[in-house]
Amino acid sequence: MADEDVARVVREMLSVIPAGCSWLVPVTGDDGTVRDFRVAAASGRGNDIYHRGTSRIGRLLSELYPVIVGGELWQLYLDVLRTGEPAELNDFRYAENQARVVALSLFDVTVHRVLDGLLVWWQRLDEDRRRMQQTELLGSLGWSEYDLITGETSWSAGVYRLFDRDPALGPLSRTQLAARMLEDDRGLAEAAWQTLDSGAPSDVTVRFHVGPAVKHLRILSDLVTDATGRPLKINGVVQDVTAREDSRTAIDRLRDQLRRREMTALAEHRLAAQLQHMIQPVPREPLPLPGLSVLVNYLPAGSSIQVGGDWYHAERLDDGRVVLAVGDVAGHGLGAASGMAHLRFALIAWLSIGIHDPAALLGHLNQLSARLRLTGSAVLCVFDPGSRTLSWGRAGHAAPLLAREGKAEPLPLPHGMLLGADPEATYETLCPRLSPGDLLLLFTDGLVERRGGPSLRPRVLDLLAAASATPEAHPALLAGLTTPSPDDDTCTLLVTVG
């Protein structure tokens, strides 16, 4: 047997371990061959299937568990003792024919060589699995796991029952699940993904076609990440709540319908906001353009479910001139954000092939809007830094505001209909001359309009006038232009003429 002092230390360590651990030392014959193993230490809180704890210490395995002698696990013990390499035996079935003892038990066994013996950990599986199966059956629920790295999905037996699917076929794919989902509930699935993306757990009830029936399945899921925050997998618990849903009152159903619509709107808001940011990121510092300094500001609406189609563009042309533009696609949500993307990228494409006249560009944007069946407004300016001439036109949009030497007013309006209102519409341009120190503000209507209230244009004009009279007042101007509208997004280009 191993040194008694070493055995005493190991016993003290294992006595505080709650798991079923034991330390076995080999018993050898005269020829050095391992004949048996003796339990030199055992965890104080872990009983075996015979309810024996530390009373096993000092006894031989052949006496305690005679059915394992010479078997697969016994051979594993000998291999680990010989090679020193740790090993596992999963789903090891321990059979017993004694009365008052479980006839067939299932374990995962892990074996490590420690000092001159083996540290063995037995993890009971059959009772845990039985409890899980009974819980799933009683609660009409199951669990799932979706690996974001490999794309593999795992289901418990309960989920297969919920979807009336043969486990031999494996879990349904995401595409197959989407096909079984009622069309009206697909927005909830997107809302769940967006909620998980924000780091919060998701709890939604979604309807699925299962054979000829429709089931209401409540899905509670959470995202698992690594140490860097990278998503690894999604764990989910699924429960059939069809009976509960069928028995709910009309008021309960109406409340849930309102919540469902709100969640869908929130998901749409997040997607539209992400799309806007990808298409037109807002620079933190003023843009240095020939003869100008341009500060871009974008404020989302104060309402969390309102995302507009406001857009901007500021670019130096190959000939040294500068293009400035702001626009607003009618409506809110993904449709408006998508329309904004079409118009902005189309404008960039036309500029790249040499179309620089504001009237011609507005004409092209108008025809594209009509084809896309959307309406919107826009202001387009081309600034020549040599002559300081601003050639500009508009399509149903408010005129830019010009501040000079303590006075501010809108530029005179050229003729121009809303984009998309008439495919044959033409546009007029005006060409005022700017001066050094002038402030020019291009904006969308969220800056000056409030539903049910007076226009904020006079206040904005006062701020611009004060800033043009005293350059040190610029910070106050900027503070005054950063209050979001509760109803609409706001996009501004504050242009300082050099």
Foldseek 3Di string as FASTA:
>chain_A
DPDLVVLVVVQVVQQPDQFWKFKWAFDADPVRHGDWIATSHTHNNDADQVRDGRVSHGPTPCVVQVVCVPHDVNVVQVVCLVPQDKDKDAQDWRADDDPPGPGIWTWIKIWGQDDNTIMITTDTDPVVVVVQVVVCVVQLKWKKKAFPVVRDIDTDPSVCVVLVHDCVVPDDHPVRFVVFWDPVQVLVVLLQVVCQVVQHWDWDWTWGDRPPDIWTKIKIKHFDADPVRHTTMIMIMIGTCRVVVVPDDPVVVVVVVVVSVVSSLLSQLVVLVVLQCVQDPADPAWDDAQQKTKHKDKFFAQDSSFAWQKDWDWDQAPVRKIKTKIKTWPDGTPVSSVLSSVLVVVLVVVVVVPPQQQQVSLLVQLLVCLVVVTWMKMKMWIADNVQQKIKIKIAPFFAKWKEAQLFIDGDDHWDHHIRNPDNPDTIDIDIDHDDALMKIKDKHLQQFDAPPDHTCVVVLRNLRSVCSNPVVSVVVSVVSRHDGHNHGMMIMMIMGGD
